N, C-alpha and C. Protein backbone atom coordinates (compact mmCIF):
# COMPACT_ATOMS: atom_id res chain seq x y z
N MET A 1 -12.07 18.80 44.08
CA MET A 1 -13.23 19.38 43.43
C MET A 1 -14.45 18.48 43.65
N LEU A 2 -15.60 19.12 43.92
CA LEU A 2 -16.85 18.38 44.08
C LEU A 2 -17.75 18.69 42.89
N ARG A 3 -18.21 17.65 42.22
CA ARG A 3 -19.10 17.81 41.07
C ARG A 3 -20.49 17.32 41.47
N ILE A 4 -21.49 18.16 41.21
CA ILE A 4 -22.88 17.85 41.58
C ILE A 4 -23.72 17.90 40.33
N GLU A 5 -24.49 16.84 40.08
CA GLU A 5 -25.29 16.75 38.85
C GLU A 5 -26.48 15.83 39.10
N PRO A 6 -27.49 15.85 38.23
CA PRO A 6 -28.59 14.89 38.36
C PRO A 6 -28.05 13.46 38.32
N ASP A 7 -28.73 12.56 38.99
CA ASP A 7 -28.24 11.18 39.03
C ASP A 7 -28.28 10.51 37.66
N THR A 8 -28.98 11.13 36.71
CA THR A 8 -29.01 10.61 35.34
C THR A 8 -27.92 11.23 34.47
N GLY A 9 -27.12 12.12 35.06
CA GLY A 9 -26.06 12.78 34.31
C GLY A 9 -26.38 14.23 34.03
N PRO A 10 -25.42 14.97 33.45
CA PRO A 10 -25.64 16.39 33.18
C PRO A 10 -26.86 16.60 32.28
N GLY A 11 -27.50 17.74 32.46
CA GLY A 11 -28.69 18.04 31.67
C GLY A 11 -29.90 18.27 32.56
N GLU A 12 -31.06 18.21 31.96
CA GLU A 12 -32.30 18.50 32.68
C GLU A 12 -32.55 17.46 33.76
N GLY A 13 -32.79 17.94 34.97
CA GLY A 13 -33.09 17.04 36.08
C GLY A 13 -34.57 16.99 36.38
N HIS A 14 -35.06 15.82 36.81
CA HIS A 14 -36.48 15.66 37.10
C HIS A 14 -36.66 15.01 38.47
N ILE A 15 -37.66 15.50 39.19
CA ILE A 15 -38.15 14.78 40.36
C ILE A 15 -39.54 14.27 40.02
N HIS A 16 -39.90 13.13 40.57
CA HIS A 16 -41.09 12.42 40.12
C HIS A 16 -42.06 12.17 41.27
N SER A 17 -43.33 12.10 40.91
CA SER A 17 -44.38 11.66 41.82
C SER A 17 -45.30 10.74 41.04
N ALA A 18 -46.32 10.23 41.71
CA ALA A 18 -47.26 9.34 41.03
C ALA A 18 -48.04 10.08 39.95
N SER A 19 -48.10 11.41 40.03
CA SER A 19 -48.92 12.17 39.09
C SER A 19 -48.11 12.92 38.04
N GLY A 20 -46.79 12.80 38.06
CA GLY A 20 -46.02 13.49 37.03
C GLY A 20 -44.61 13.79 37.49
N HIS A 21 -44.01 14.80 36.88
CA HIS A 21 -42.64 15.17 37.24
C HIS A 21 -42.47 16.68 37.18
N LEU A 22 -41.41 17.15 37.83
CA LEU A 22 -41.03 18.56 37.81
C LEU A 22 -39.57 18.67 37.44
N ILE A 23 -39.24 19.75 36.74
CA ILE A 23 -37.85 20.04 36.40
C ILE A 23 -37.18 20.76 37.56
N TYR A 24 -35.93 20.42 37.84
CA TYR A 24 -35.19 21.14 38.87
C TYR A 24 -33.82 21.57 38.34
N ASN A 25 -33.29 22.61 38.97
CA ASN A 25 -31.96 23.12 38.64
C ASN A 25 -31.06 23.00 39.85
N ILE A 26 -29.81 22.61 39.60
CA ILE A 26 -28.79 22.60 40.65
C ILE A 26 -28.00 23.89 40.53
N GLU A 27 -27.83 24.59 41.64
CA GLU A 27 -27.17 25.89 41.62
C GLU A 27 -26.14 25.98 42.73
N PRO A 28 -25.05 26.70 42.47
CA PRO A 28 -24.10 26.97 43.56
C PRO A 28 -24.72 27.92 44.55
N SER A 29 -24.43 27.74 45.82
CA SER A 29 -24.97 28.61 46.85
C SER A 29 -24.14 29.87 46.96
N GLY A 30 -24.79 31.02 46.96
CA GLY A 30 -24.07 32.28 47.11
C GLY A 30 -23.25 32.67 45.90
N GLY A 31 -23.55 32.08 44.74
CA GLY A 31 -22.83 32.46 43.53
C GLY A 31 -21.45 31.86 43.39
N GLN A 32 -21.09 30.90 44.24
CA GLN A 32 -19.78 30.27 44.15
C GLN A 32 -19.80 29.12 43.16
N GLY A 33 -18.65 28.81 42.61
CA GLY A 33 -18.53 27.66 41.72
C GLY A 33 -19.02 27.96 40.32
N GLN A 34 -19.07 26.93 39.50
CA GLN A 34 -19.50 27.05 38.12
C GLN A 34 -20.75 26.21 37.90
N ASN A 35 -21.62 26.70 37.02
CA ASN A 35 -22.86 25.99 36.74
C ASN A 35 -23.10 25.99 35.24
N ALA A 36 -23.01 24.82 34.63
CA ALA A 36 -23.28 24.68 33.20
C ALA A 36 -23.92 23.33 32.98
N ASP A 37 -24.99 23.30 32.15
CA ASP A 37 -25.67 22.06 31.82
C ASP A 37 -26.18 21.34 33.07
N ASN A 38 -26.66 22.15 34.03
CA ASN A 38 -27.19 21.61 35.30
C ASN A 38 -26.13 20.81 36.05
N LEU A 39 -24.90 21.23 35.94
CA LEU A 39 -23.78 20.59 36.61
C LEU A 39 -23.01 21.67 37.35
N VAL A 40 -22.79 21.46 38.63
CA VAL A 40 -22.07 22.43 39.46
C VAL A 40 -20.75 21.82 39.89
N GLU A 41 -19.68 22.57 39.71
CA GLU A 41 -18.35 22.14 40.16
C GLU A 41 -17.85 23.14 41.20
N LEU A 42 -17.55 22.64 42.38
CA LEU A 42 -17.08 23.46 43.49
C LEU A 42 -15.67 23.05 43.85
N SER A 43 -14.78 24.03 43.82
CA SER A 43 -13.38 23.76 44.14
C SER A 43 -13.10 24.10 45.60
N GLY A 44 -12.17 23.41 46.19
CA GLY A 44 -11.79 23.66 47.57
C GLY A 44 -10.61 22.79 47.95
N SER A 45 -10.22 22.91 49.20
CA SER A 45 -9.09 22.11 49.67
C SER A 45 -9.27 21.84 51.16
N PHE A 46 -8.60 20.80 51.63
CA PHE A 46 -8.60 20.44 53.04
C PHE A 46 -7.29 20.89 53.66
N SER A 47 -7.38 21.47 54.86
CA SER A 47 -6.15 21.73 55.60
C SER A 47 -5.70 20.44 56.27
N SER A 48 -4.52 20.44 56.81
CA SER A 48 -3.94 19.21 57.35
C SER A 48 -4.72 18.65 58.53
N ASN A 49 -5.45 19.50 59.25
CA ASN A 49 -6.19 19.01 60.42
C ASN A 49 -7.69 18.88 60.17
N GLN A 50 -8.11 18.94 58.90
CA GLN A 50 -9.53 18.81 58.56
C GLN A 50 -9.85 17.40 58.10
N SER A 51 -10.94 16.84 58.65
CA SER A 51 -11.41 15.54 58.18
C SER A 51 -12.68 15.66 57.34
N GLN A 52 -13.34 16.81 57.43
CA GLN A 52 -14.54 17.04 56.64
C GLN A 52 -14.71 18.54 56.40
N LYS A 53 -15.56 18.83 55.41
CA LYS A 53 -15.78 20.23 55.05
C LYS A 53 -17.19 20.38 54.51
N GLU A 54 -17.84 21.45 54.88
CA GLU A 54 -19.19 21.71 54.42
C GLU A 54 -19.15 22.46 53.09
N VAL A 55 -19.87 21.92 52.11
CA VAL A 55 -19.92 22.53 50.78
C VAL A 55 -21.39 22.78 50.43
N PRO A 56 -21.86 24.02 50.50
CA PRO A 56 -23.28 24.30 50.25
C PRO A 56 -23.60 24.37 48.75
N PHE A 57 -24.78 23.88 48.42
CA PHE A 57 -25.34 24.09 47.09
C PHE A 57 -26.86 24.11 47.26
N GLN A 58 -27.58 24.45 46.21
CA GLN A 58 -29.04 24.54 46.34
C GLN A 58 -29.72 23.97 45.11
N ILE A 59 -30.97 23.57 45.30
CA ILE A 59 -31.80 23.04 44.22
C ILE A 59 -33.04 23.93 44.12
N SER A 60 -33.37 24.35 42.92
CA SER A 60 -34.53 25.22 42.72
C SER A 60 -35.42 24.65 41.63
N MET A 61 -36.68 25.04 41.68
CA MET A 61 -37.66 24.62 40.67
C MET A 61 -38.02 25.84 39.81
N PRO A 62 -37.83 25.77 38.51
CA PRO A 62 -38.21 26.90 37.66
C PRO A 62 -39.69 27.22 37.81
N ILE A 63 -40.01 28.50 37.85
CA ILE A 63 -41.41 28.91 38.00
C ILE A 63 -42.17 28.62 36.71
N GLY A 64 -43.49 28.58 36.83
CA GLY A 64 -44.33 28.39 35.66
C GLY A 64 -44.67 26.95 35.35
N GLN A 65 -44.15 26.00 36.15
CA GLN A 65 -44.46 24.59 35.91
C GLN A 65 -45.83 24.26 36.50
N ARG A 66 -46.60 23.45 35.78
CA ARG A 66 -47.86 22.96 36.33
C ARG A 66 -47.55 21.73 37.16
N ALA A 67 -47.81 21.82 38.45
CA ALA A 67 -47.46 20.74 39.37
C ALA A 67 -48.71 20.22 40.04
N LEU A 68 -49.08 18.99 39.75
CA LEU A 68 -50.18 18.37 40.47
C LEU A 68 -49.75 18.07 41.90
N ALA A 69 -50.69 18.11 42.81
CA ALA A 69 -50.38 17.91 44.22
C ALA A 69 -49.78 16.52 44.44
N GLY A 70 -48.85 16.45 45.39
CA GLY A 70 -48.23 15.17 45.72
C GLY A 70 -46.81 15.36 46.21
N MET A 71 -46.17 14.26 46.56
CA MET A 71 -44.78 14.26 47.01
C MET A 71 -43.88 13.92 45.83
N TYR A 72 -42.96 14.81 45.51
CA TYR A 72 -42.01 14.61 44.42
C TYR A 72 -40.63 14.32 45.02
N SER A 73 -39.90 13.41 44.41
CA SER A 73 -38.59 13.07 44.94
C SER A 73 -37.62 12.73 43.81
N GLY A 74 -36.35 12.82 44.14
CA GLY A 74 -35.31 12.50 43.17
C GLY A 74 -33.96 12.41 43.86
N ARG A 75 -32.92 12.25 43.08
CA ARG A 75 -31.56 12.16 43.61
C ARG A 75 -30.61 12.99 42.78
N VAL A 76 -29.59 13.51 43.45
CA VAL A 76 -28.47 14.13 42.75
C VAL A 76 -27.21 13.34 43.08
N ALA A 77 -26.30 13.31 42.12
CA ALA A 77 -25.04 12.58 42.29
C ALA A 77 -23.94 13.55 42.69
N LEU A 78 -23.16 13.17 43.70
CA LEU A 78 -22.02 13.95 44.16
C LEU A 78 -20.76 13.15 43.92
N SER A 79 -19.83 13.73 43.18
CA SER A 79 -18.57 13.05 42.86
C SER A 79 -17.42 13.91 43.37
N LEU A 80 -16.56 13.33 44.20
CA LEU A 80 -15.41 14.03 44.76
C LEU A 80 -14.15 13.62 44.01
N TYR A 81 -13.43 14.62 43.52
CA TYR A 81 -12.22 14.38 42.74
C TYR A 81 -11.02 15.00 43.45
N ARG A 82 -9.90 14.30 43.37
CA ARG A 82 -8.62 14.87 43.78
C ARG A 82 -7.96 15.44 42.53
N THR A 83 -7.55 16.69 42.59
CA THR A 83 -6.93 17.32 41.42
C THR A 83 -5.45 17.52 41.68
N ASP A 84 -4.67 17.26 40.66
CA ASP A 84 -3.22 17.41 40.77
C ASP A 84 -2.68 17.80 39.40
N ASN A 85 -2.25 19.07 39.31
CA ASN A 85 -1.69 19.58 38.05
C ASN A 85 -2.65 19.38 36.88
N GLY A 86 -3.95 19.64 37.13
CA GLY A 86 -4.93 19.53 36.07
C GLY A 86 -5.52 18.15 35.89
N ALA A 87 -4.92 17.16 36.48
CA ALA A 87 -5.44 15.79 36.38
C ALA A 87 -6.47 15.56 37.48
N GLU A 88 -7.55 14.83 37.16
CA GLU A 88 -8.61 14.56 38.12
C GLU A 88 -8.67 13.07 38.43
N GLU A 89 -8.74 12.75 39.72
CA GLU A 89 -8.87 11.36 40.16
C GLU A 89 -10.12 11.24 41.02
N LEU A 90 -11.04 10.35 40.62
CA LEU A 90 -12.27 10.15 41.39
C LEU A 90 -11.93 9.48 42.71
N VAL A 91 -12.32 10.14 43.81
CA VAL A 91 -12.04 9.64 45.14
C VAL A 91 -13.27 8.95 45.75
N ASP A 92 -14.44 9.56 45.58
CA ASP A 92 -15.66 8.99 46.16
C ASP A 92 -16.86 9.50 45.37
N GLN A 93 -17.94 8.73 45.44
CA GLN A 93 -19.17 9.11 44.75
C GLN A 93 -20.36 8.68 45.59
N GLN A 94 -21.29 9.62 45.81
CA GLN A 94 -22.48 9.35 46.60
C GLN A 94 -23.69 9.98 45.90
N SER A 95 -24.88 9.56 46.33
CA SER A 95 -26.09 10.21 45.83
C SER A 95 -26.88 10.75 47.02
N VAL A 96 -27.55 11.85 46.80
CA VAL A 96 -28.34 12.51 47.84
C VAL A 96 -29.81 12.49 47.43
N TYR A 97 -30.65 11.96 48.29
CA TYR A 97 -32.09 11.93 48.06
C TYR A 97 -32.70 13.25 48.53
N PHE A 98 -33.61 13.79 47.77
CA PHE A 98 -34.33 14.99 48.22
C PHE A 98 -35.78 14.89 47.76
N ALA A 99 -36.64 15.61 48.44
CA ALA A 99 -38.07 15.55 48.14
C ALA A 99 -38.70 16.92 48.33
N SER A 100 -39.78 17.13 47.64
CA SER A 100 -40.54 18.38 47.75
C SER A 100 -42.02 18.05 47.65
N GLU A 101 -42.80 18.57 48.58
CA GLU A 101 -44.24 18.30 48.58
C GLU A 101 -45.00 19.49 48.00
N VAL A 102 -45.88 19.20 47.07
CA VAL A 102 -46.77 20.21 46.50
C VAL A 102 -48.14 20.04 47.14
N ALA A 103 -48.58 21.04 47.86
CA ALA A 103 -49.85 20.96 48.58
C ALA A 103 -51.02 21.09 47.61
N PRO A 104 -52.12 20.39 47.88
CA PRO A 104 -53.31 20.54 47.02
C PRO A 104 -53.91 21.93 47.15
N LYS A 105 -54.38 22.45 46.03
CA LYS A 105 -54.96 23.79 46.03
C LYS A 105 -56.06 23.87 44.98
N VAL A 106 -57.18 24.39 45.38
CA VAL A 106 -58.30 24.61 44.46
C VAL A 106 -58.83 26.01 44.71
N SER A 107 -58.99 26.77 43.65
CA SER A 107 -59.58 28.11 43.77
C SER A 107 -60.56 28.31 42.63
N ALA A 108 -61.53 29.18 42.86
CA ALA A 108 -62.56 29.41 41.84
C ALA A 108 -63.10 30.81 41.98
N SER A 109 -63.68 31.28 40.90
CA SER A 109 -64.26 32.61 40.90
C SER A 109 -65.29 32.70 39.79
N PHE A 110 -66.33 33.48 40.01
CA PHE A 110 -67.22 33.80 38.90
C PHE A 110 -66.49 34.74 37.95
N GLY A 111 -66.76 34.58 36.66
CA GLY A 111 -66.03 35.32 35.65
C GLY A 111 -65.10 34.39 34.89
N GLU A 112 -64.14 34.95 34.16
CA GLU A 112 -63.26 34.16 33.30
C GLU A 112 -61.97 33.74 33.98
N LEU A 113 -61.63 34.35 35.13
CA LEU A 113 -60.38 34.06 35.80
C LEU A 113 -60.65 33.46 37.18
N ALA A 114 -59.98 32.32 37.46
CA ALA A 114 -60.15 31.68 38.76
C ALA A 114 -59.60 32.54 39.89
N SER A 115 -58.69 33.45 39.55
CA SER A 115 -58.09 34.33 40.55
C SER A 115 -58.85 35.64 40.71
N GLY A 116 -60.03 35.72 40.12
CA GLY A 116 -60.78 36.97 40.12
C GLY A 116 -61.38 37.37 41.46
N ASN A 117 -61.44 36.41 42.40
CA ASN A 117 -61.98 36.67 43.75
C ASN A 117 -63.43 37.17 43.73
N ASN A 118 -64.18 36.78 42.71
CA ASN A 118 -65.61 37.08 42.68
C ASN A 118 -66.36 35.88 43.24
N ASN A 119 -66.59 35.91 44.54
CA ASN A 119 -67.17 34.74 45.22
C ASN A 119 -68.69 34.72 45.19
N SER A 120 -69.30 35.80 44.76
CA SER A 120 -70.75 35.82 44.67
C SER A 120 -71.17 36.72 43.52
N ILE A 121 -72.35 36.47 43.02
CA ILE A 121 -72.87 37.24 41.90
C ILE A 121 -74.39 37.24 41.97
N ASP A 122 -75.00 38.35 41.58
CA ASP A 122 -76.46 38.46 41.54
C ASP A 122 -76.93 38.44 40.10
N LEU A 123 -77.92 37.60 39.83
CA LEU A 123 -78.56 37.57 38.51
C LEU A 123 -79.97 38.14 38.65
N ASP A 124 -80.20 39.28 38.04
CA ASP A 124 -81.50 39.92 38.09
C ASP A 124 -82.21 39.67 36.76
N LEU A 125 -83.29 38.89 36.81
CA LEU A 125 -84.02 38.56 35.59
C LEU A 125 -84.99 39.66 35.16
N GLY A 126 -85.14 40.66 35.99
CA GLY A 126 -86.08 41.71 35.65
C GLY A 126 -87.51 41.17 35.67
N THR A 127 -88.35 41.70 34.77
CA THR A 127 -89.71 41.18 34.63
C THR A 127 -89.65 39.86 33.88
N MET A 128 -90.07 38.79 34.53
CA MET A 128 -89.87 37.45 33.97
C MET A 128 -90.86 37.14 32.86
N THR A 129 -90.39 36.40 31.89
CA THR A 129 -91.21 35.89 30.79
C THR A 129 -91.00 34.39 30.67
N ARG A 130 -91.88 33.73 29.94
CA ARG A 130 -91.77 32.29 29.79
C ARG A 130 -90.48 31.95 29.04
N ASN A 131 -89.81 30.90 29.48
CA ASN A 131 -88.55 30.43 28.90
C ASN A 131 -87.43 31.47 28.99
N GLN A 132 -87.55 32.37 29.94
CA GLN A 132 -86.50 33.37 30.12
C GLN A 132 -85.20 32.69 30.54
N LYS A 133 -84.08 33.24 30.06
CA LYS A 133 -82.78 32.62 30.30
C LYS A 133 -81.83 33.61 30.95
N ALA A 134 -80.87 33.06 31.68
CA ALA A 134 -79.77 33.84 32.25
C ALA A 134 -78.56 32.94 32.35
N SER A 135 -77.38 33.53 32.28
CA SER A 135 -76.15 32.74 32.29
C SER A 135 -75.11 33.39 33.20
N VAL A 136 -74.21 32.57 33.69
CA VAL A 136 -73.09 33.06 34.48
C VAL A 136 -71.90 32.15 34.22
N ASP A 137 -70.71 32.74 34.09
CA ASP A 137 -69.47 31.98 33.88
C ASP A 137 -68.72 31.85 35.19
N PHE A 138 -67.98 30.75 35.32
CA PHE A 138 -67.07 30.62 36.45
C PHE A 138 -65.84 29.85 36.01
N ALA A 139 -64.74 30.06 36.72
CA ALA A 139 -63.46 29.43 36.39
C ALA A 139 -62.91 28.73 37.61
N VAL A 140 -62.20 27.63 37.36
CA VAL A 140 -61.60 26.83 38.43
C VAL A 140 -60.12 26.64 38.12
N SER A 141 -59.28 26.83 39.13
CA SER A 141 -57.86 26.53 39.02
C SER A 141 -57.52 25.50 40.08
N ALA A 142 -56.87 24.40 39.68
CA ALA A 142 -56.62 23.32 40.64
C ALA A 142 -55.37 22.54 40.25
N ASN A 143 -54.73 21.97 41.25
CA ASN A 143 -53.61 21.07 41.00
C ASN A 143 -53.88 19.68 41.58
N THR A 144 -55.14 19.38 41.83
CA THR A 144 -55.52 18.09 42.38
C THR A 144 -56.92 17.75 41.87
N ASN A 145 -57.34 16.51 42.09
CA ASN A 145 -58.69 16.13 41.70
C ASN A 145 -59.71 16.91 42.53
N TYR A 146 -60.74 17.37 41.88
CA TYR A 146 -61.77 18.11 42.59
C TYR A 146 -63.14 17.79 41.99
N LYS A 147 -64.15 18.10 42.74
CA LYS A 147 -65.52 17.94 42.24
C LYS A 147 -66.30 19.22 42.49
N VAL A 148 -67.28 19.44 41.66
CA VAL A 148 -68.12 20.63 41.77
C VAL A 148 -69.55 20.18 42.02
N ASN A 149 -70.08 20.56 43.14
CA ASN A 149 -71.47 20.26 43.50
C ASN A 149 -72.29 21.54 43.52
N PHE A 150 -73.57 21.34 43.53
CA PHE A 150 -74.51 22.44 43.40
C PHE A 150 -75.56 22.34 44.49
N GLU A 151 -75.85 23.46 45.13
CA GLU A 151 -76.92 23.49 46.12
C GLU A 151 -77.87 24.64 45.81
N SER A 152 -79.15 24.35 45.89
CA SER A 152 -80.20 25.35 45.69
C SER A 152 -81.08 25.38 46.94
N VAL A 153 -81.28 26.55 47.49
CA VAL A 153 -82.10 26.68 48.70
C VAL A 153 -83.51 26.15 48.45
N ASN A 154 -84.01 26.39 47.24
CA ASN A 154 -85.39 25.99 46.90
C ASN A 154 -85.43 24.78 45.98
N SER A 155 -84.35 24.00 45.95
CA SER A 155 -84.30 22.77 45.14
C SER A 155 -84.64 23.02 43.68
N GLY A 156 -84.05 24.06 43.12
CA GLY A 156 -84.21 24.31 41.69
C GLY A 156 -85.46 25.07 41.32
N ALA A 157 -85.88 25.98 42.17
CA ALA A 157 -87.07 26.78 41.89
C ALA A 157 -86.90 28.18 42.45
N LEU A 158 -87.58 29.14 41.82
CA LEU A 158 -87.68 30.49 42.35
C LEU A 158 -88.92 30.56 43.24
N ARG A 159 -88.74 31.05 44.46
CA ARG A 159 -89.85 31.07 45.43
C ARG A 159 -90.36 32.51 45.60
N HIS A 160 -91.69 32.62 45.62
CA HIS A 160 -92.32 33.93 45.83
C HIS A 160 -92.01 34.44 47.23
N GLU A 161 -91.78 35.74 47.33
CA GLU A 161 -91.34 36.33 48.59
C GLU A 161 -92.38 36.22 49.71
N LEU A 162 -93.67 36.12 49.36
CA LEU A 162 -94.71 36.09 50.39
C LEU A 162 -95.52 34.80 50.38
N SER A 163 -95.97 34.39 49.21
CA SER A 163 -96.92 33.26 49.15
C SER A 163 -96.25 31.90 49.25
N GLY A 164 -94.97 31.83 48.92
CA GLY A 164 -94.30 30.53 48.91
C GLY A 164 -94.48 29.76 47.62
N LEU A 165 -95.26 30.30 46.66
CA LEU A 165 -95.40 29.65 45.35
C LEU A 165 -94.05 29.65 44.64
N THR A 166 -93.85 28.66 43.77
CA THR A 166 -92.55 28.52 43.12
C THR A 166 -92.68 28.46 41.61
N LEU A 167 -91.59 28.83 40.95
CA LEU A 167 -91.43 28.69 39.50
C LEU A 167 -90.18 27.85 39.27
N ASP A 168 -90.36 26.67 38.67
CA ASP A 168 -89.23 25.78 38.43
C ASP A 168 -88.37 26.30 37.28
N TYR A 169 -87.09 25.98 37.35
CA TYR A 169 -86.18 26.33 36.26
C TYR A 169 -85.23 25.17 35.98
N ASP A 170 -84.72 25.12 34.75
CA ASP A 170 -83.72 24.13 34.36
C ASP A 170 -82.33 24.74 34.49
N ILE A 171 -81.36 23.86 34.75
CA ILE A 171 -79.97 24.28 34.87
C ILE A 171 -79.14 23.47 33.88
N ARG A 172 -78.29 24.14 33.16
CA ARG A 172 -77.35 23.48 32.26
C ARG A 172 -75.93 23.90 32.62
N ILE A 173 -75.02 22.92 32.57
CA ILE A 173 -73.61 23.21 32.75
C ILE A 173 -72.91 22.93 31.42
N ASP A 174 -72.35 23.95 30.83
CA ASP A 174 -71.71 23.83 29.51
C ASP A 174 -72.65 23.19 28.49
N GLY A 175 -73.92 23.55 28.57
CA GLY A 175 -74.91 23.07 27.60
C GLY A 175 -75.56 21.76 27.96
N GLN A 176 -75.08 21.07 28.99
CA GLN A 176 -75.65 19.78 29.39
C GLN A 176 -76.68 19.98 30.50
N LEU A 177 -77.89 19.49 30.25
CA LEU A 177 -78.98 19.65 31.21
C LEU A 177 -78.76 18.76 32.43
N LEU A 178 -78.92 19.35 33.62
CA LEU A 178 -78.91 18.55 34.84
C LEU A 178 -80.26 17.88 34.97
N ARG A 179 -80.27 16.57 34.97
CA ARG A 179 -81.53 15.84 34.94
C ARG A 179 -81.93 15.28 36.29
N ASP A 180 -81.14 15.54 37.33
CA ASP A 180 -81.54 15.08 38.65
C ASP A 180 -82.82 15.79 39.07
N SER A 181 -83.73 15.04 39.66
CA SER A 181 -84.97 15.66 40.12
C SER A 181 -84.67 16.69 41.22
N ASP A 182 -83.66 16.42 42.00
CA ASP A 182 -83.23 17.37 43.02
C ASP A 182 -81.83 17.85 42.66
N PRO A 183 -81.67 19.11 42.24
CA PRO A 183 -80.34 19.57 41.84
C PRO A 183 -79.32 19.53 42.96
N ASN A 184 -79.79 19.49 44.21
CA ASN A 184 -78.85 19.42 45.31
C ASN A 184 -78.10 18.09 45.36
N SER A 185 -78.59 17.10 44.64
CA SER A 185 -77.90 15.80 44.62
C SER A 185 -76.93 15.70 43.45
N ALA A 186 -76.83 16.76 42.65
CA ALA A 186 -76.06 16.67 41.41
C ALA A 186 -74.61 17.08 41.62
N THR A 187 -73.69 16.23 41.13
CA THR A 187 -72.30 16.62 40.97
C THR A 187 -72.14 17.10 39.54
N LEU A 188 -71.80 18.36 39.37
CA LEU A 188 -71.74 18.92 38.02
C LEU A 188 -70.65 18.25 37.20
N PHE A 189 -69.46 18.13 37.79
CA PHE A 189 -68.37 17.45 37.09
C PHE A 189 -67.21 17.24 38.06
N THR A 190 -66.29 16.38 37.67
CA THR A 190 -65.04 16.18 38.39
C THR A 190 -63.90 16.40 37.42
N SER A 191 -62.76 16.84 37.95
CA SER A 191 -61.63 17.14 37.07
C SER A 191 -60.38 17.34 37.91
N ASN A 192 -59.23 17.52 37.26
CA ASN A 192 -58.03 18.01 37.92
C ASN A 192 -57.33 19.05 37.04
N GLU A 193 -58.10 19.63 36.13
CA GLU A 193 -57.56 20.60 35.19
C GLU A 193 -58.10 22.00 35.48
N ASN A 194 -57.32 23.01 35.09
CA ASN A 194 -57.85 24.36 35.10
C ASN A 194 -58.93 24.45 34.03
N SER A 195 -60.02 25.09 34.34
CA SER A 195 -61.14 25.07 33.39
C SER A 195 -62.05 26.27 33.59
N ARG A 196 -62.82 26.57 32.52
CA ARG A 196 -63.85 27.60 32.57
C ARG A 196 -65.18 26.98 32.15
N HIS A 197 -66.25 27.44 32.77
CA HIS A 197 -67.55 26.81 32.54
C HIS A 197 -68.65 27.87 32.52
N ARG A 198 -69.79 27.46 31.96
CA ARG A 198 -70.96 28.34 31.93
C ARG A 198 -72.16 27.61 32.52
N LEU A 199 -72.85 28.30 33.40
CA LEU A 199 -74.12 27.83 33.94
C LEU A 199 -75.24 28.61 33.26
N ASP A 200 -76.19 27.87 32.69
CA ASP A 200 -77.36 28.48 32.05
C ASP A 200 -78.61 28.13 32.85
N PHE A 201 -79.45 29.10 33.06
CA PHE A 201 -80.71 28.92 33.77
C PHE A 201 -81.85 29.29 32.83
N GLU A 202 -82.90 28.47 32.81
CA GLU A 202 -84.06 28.74 31.96
C GLU A 202 -85.34 28.43 32.73
N LEU A 203 -86.25 29.38 32.76
CA LEU A 203 -87.54 29.15 33.43
C LEU A 203 -88.31 28.05 32.74
N ARG A 204 -88.81 27.11 33.53
CA ARG A 204 -89.61 26.02 32.99
C ARG A 204 -91.10 26.34 33.10
N ASP A 205 -91.49 26.97 34.18
CA ASP A 205 -92.89 27.34 34.39
C ASP A 205 -93.19 28.70 33.75
N ASP A 206 -94.45 28.94 33.48
CA ASP A 206 -94.90 30.20 32.88
C ASP A 206 -95.17 31.21 34.00
N PRO A 207 -94.35 32.26 34.10
CA PRO A 207 -94.53 33.21 35.21
C PRO A 207 -95.82 34.01 35.11
N THR A 208 -96.40 34.08 33.90
CA THR A 208 -97.66 34.84 33.76
C THR A 208 -98.81 34.16 34.48
N LEU A 209 -98.63 32.88 34.82
CA LEU A 209 -99.68 32.15 35.54
C LEU A 209 -99.48 32.21 37.05
N GLY A 210 -98.38 32.84 37.48
CA GLY A 210 -98.08 32.89 38.90
C GLY A 210 -98.59 34.16 39.55
N VAL A 211 -98.26 34.31 40.81
CA VAL A 211 -98.64 35.49 41.60
C VAL A 211 -97.60 36.58 41.38
N ALA A 212 -98.06 37.81 41.17
CA ALA A 212 -97.13 38.92 40.98
C ALA A 212 -96.27 39.12 42.23
N GLY A 213 -95.06 39.54 42.02
CA GLY A 213 -94.16 39.79 43.14
C GLY A 213 -92.74 39.36 42.82
N LYS A 214 -91.91 39.33 43.83
CA LYS A 214 -90.50 39.00 43.67
C LYS A 214 -90.28 37.51 43.95
N TYR A 215 -89.58 36.85 43.04
CA TYR A 215 -89.21 35.44 43.19
C TYR A 215 -87.68 35.35 43.26
N SER A 216 -87.18 34.45 44.07
CA SER A 216 -85.72 34.34 44.19
C SER A 216 -85.31 32.94 44.63
N ASP A 217 -84.05 32.66 44.44
CA ASP A 217 -83.43 31.43 44.92
C ASP A 217 -81.97 31.76 45.22
N ARG A 218 -81.36 31.01 46.09
CA ARG A 218 -79.93 31.16 46.36
C ARG A 218 -79.23 29.88 45.96
N LEU A 219 -78.26 30.02 45.07
CA LEU A 219 -77.51 28.88 44.56
C LEU A 219 -76.09 28.93 45.09
N THR A 220 -75.56 27.77 45.42
CA THR A 220 -74.19 27.69 45.91
C THR A 220 -73.43 26.63 45.13
N LEU A 221 -72.28 27.01 44.57
CA LEU A 221 -71.37 26.05 43.96
C LEU A 221 -70.36 25.63 45.01
N ILE A 222 -70.25 24.33 45.23
CA ILE A 222 -69.30 23.80 46.22
C ILE A 222 -68.19 23.08 45.46
N ILE A 223 -66.99 23.64 45.53
CA ILE A 223 -65.84 23.08 44.81
C ILE A 223 -64.87 22.55 45.85
N SER A 224 -64.63 21.25 45.83
CA SER A 224 -63.84 20.63 46.89
C SER A 224 -62.82 19.67 46.31
N ALA A 225 -61.64 19.64 46.94
CA ALA A 225 -60.60 18.70 46.55
C ALA A 225 -61.00 17.30 46.98
N GLN A 226 -60.58 16.31 46.17
CA GLN A 226 -60.90 14.92 46.48
C GLN A 226 -59.66 14.17 46.95
């Protein structure tokens, strides 16, 4: 009989990386053998002309675990027993090293869900007034360190469609004012957590003093793994 279990003994098994751990299950391959308390026992026998035998088993990771990117590794213990009339005699014991790599992944979307696939959004301020405000939400899902940067075509201003005159605006992320003179130099935040955020825009200049017409800017959020 071959007994397979975590190297720490029966029970919950863990593989580890520098950023955390994952739970794993040991399972018989093809439904053979017995599996209880994360311990698999496989019975078999050798014929007189056999010196070795292949005994398949598998390791799986339960779904729903939050796994930060990185290489995870661990060991399982294999114990070979000779059985005779119900009695078990330990013949050999080895450990098997295994590893699993979790690739870095970052996704984002405007709205409340990072999986929403809303990669762009239009904010129409209508007829502008002084201190007019507009807001947009976005969500980030990540399993690695990431940073969020901001780019504005007009460096934080709405530009008139013909004259080139501009109306400056302030930007806040989760209520915190971006104080960089050039918003293109601003890193909004860094993190490795799933998160939701709000961007608030407020006109700083008085549009009634400007030239009539359409004003616009194009903003880009750049979310990148570190």
